[in-house]
Amino acid sequence: MPEISRFLGIVITMYYSDHAPPHFHAKYGGYDVTIRIHDGLAQGTFPRRALNLVQEWYNLHRDELAENWRLSRERKPLHPIEPLE
């Protein structure tokens, strides 16, 4: 489970063997949510404040996330993405 970013207690990961559609995972405490890269739709349970932070980060880094998804399909190393500050 390659970690691509970490901020404010939230860990962002992307798996090499994950299924379509392109997405990433966010973990916060015992919560886990998946976010689709093309439209930002979230699935899972996550505290609202933490989800808002993930959505803000996603909006800043959508192109980088799409590139990491492409790299994951090719089993290449993923690029770290700047955290939300």
Protein backbone atom coordinates (compact mmCIF):
# COMPACT_ATOMS: atom_id res chain seq x y z
CA MET A 1 0.00 0.00 0.00
CA PRO A 2 2.14 2.87 -1.23
CA GLU A 3 1.63 6.04 0.78
CA ILE A 4 1.58 9.09 -1.48
CA SER A 5 0.78 11.81 1.07
CA ARG A 6 0.17 12.43 4.76
CA PHE A 7 -1.30 15.51 6.43
CA LEU A 8 -3.19 16.39 9.60
CA GLY A 9 -3.45 12.74 10.63
CA ILE A 10 -4.80 11.66 7.22
CA VAL A 11 -2.88 9.10 5.18
CA ILE A 12 -3.40 8.93 1.40
CA THR A 13 -2.58 5.64 -0.35
CA MET A 14 -2.96 4.03 -3.74
CA TYR A 15 -2.71 0.28 -4.35
CA TYR A 16 -0.97 -1.31 -7.34
CA SER A 17 -3.49 -4.12 -7.69
CA ASP A 18 -6.63 -2.03 -7.12
CA HIS A 19 -9.72 -2.17 -9.32
CA ALA A 20 -11.14 0.44 -11.70
CA PRO A 21 -12.38 3.15 -11.67
CA PRO A 22 -9.23 5.14 -10.82
CA HIS A 23 -9.30 6.13 -7.14
CA PHE A 24 -7.22 6.60 -4.01
CA HIS A 25 -7.72 5.73 -0.36
CA ALA A 26 -7.72 8.07 2.62
CA LYS A 27 -7.37 6.76 6.17
CA TYR A 28 -7.96 8.71 9.36
CA GLY A 29 -7.93 6.86 12.66
CA GLY A 30 -10.20 3.85 12.14
CA TYR A 31 -11.97 5.42 9.15
CA ASP A 32 -11.33 4.63 5.49
CA VAL A 33 -12.75 6.22 2.38
CA THR A 34 -12.08 5.81 -1.35
CA ILE A 35 -12.21 8.85 -3.65
CA ARG A 36 -12.70 8.51 -7.41
CA ILE A 37 -10.14 10.55 -9.28
CA HIS A 38 -12.31 11.70 -12.19
CA ASP A 39 -15.14 13.20 -10.13
CA GLY A 40 -14.16 13.18 -6.44
CA LEU A 41 -17.01 10.90 -5.36
CA ALA A 42 -16.29 9.49 -1.90
CA GLN A 43 -17.34 6.04 -0.70
CA GLY A 44 -16.92 4.89 2.87
CA THR A 45 -17.21 6.37 6.33
CA PHE A 46 -15.14 9.41 7.25
CA PRO A 47 -15.59 12.35 9.64
CA ARG A 48 -16.98 15.35 7.74
CA ARG A 49 -14.14 17.72 8.68
CA ALA A 50 -11.46 15.21 7.61
CA LEU A 51 -13.36 14.46 4.38
CA ASN A 52 -13.51 18.18 3.59
CA LEU A 53 -9.72 18.34 3.99
CA VAL A 54 -9.25 15.34 1.69
CA GLN A 55 -11.56 16.92 -0.90
CA GLU A 56 -9.61 20.18 -0.73
CA TRP A 57 -6.34 18.27 -1.22
CA TYR A 58 -7.86 16.24 -4.08
CA ASN A 59 -8.92 19.41 -5.90
CA LEU A 60 -5.34 20.71 -5.74
CA HIS A 61 -3.74 17.46 -6.94
CA ARG A 62 -6.16 15.77 -9.36
CA ASP A 63 -3.63 15.63 -12.24
CA GLU A 64 -0.92 14.18 -9.99
CA LEU A 65 -3.35 11.55 -8.73
CA ALA A 66 -4.26 10.58 -12.30
CA GLU A 67 -0.55 10.25 -13.12
CA ASN A 68 0.02 8.07 -10.06
CA TRP A 69 -2.89 5.86 -11.08
CA ARG A 70 -1.28 5.44 -14.52
CA LEU A 71 2.04 4.57 -12.88
CA SER A 72 0.34 2.05 -10.58
CA ARG A 73 -1.15 0.24 -13.59
CA GLU A 74 2.40 -0.05 -14.98
CA ARG A 75 3.72 -1.22 -11.57
CA LYS A 76 6.11 1.74 -11.45
CA PRO A 77 7.01 3.72 -8.32
CA LEU A 78 4.44 6.32 -7.35
CA HIS A 79 5.32 9.97 -6.87
CA PRO A 80 4.80 11.57 -3.46
CA ILE A 81 2.27 14.41 -3.51
CA GLU A 82 2.61 17.52 -1.37
CA PRO A 83 0.46 17.49 1.76
CA LEU A 84 -2.26 19.98 2.51
CA GLU A 85 -0.90 22.85 4.61
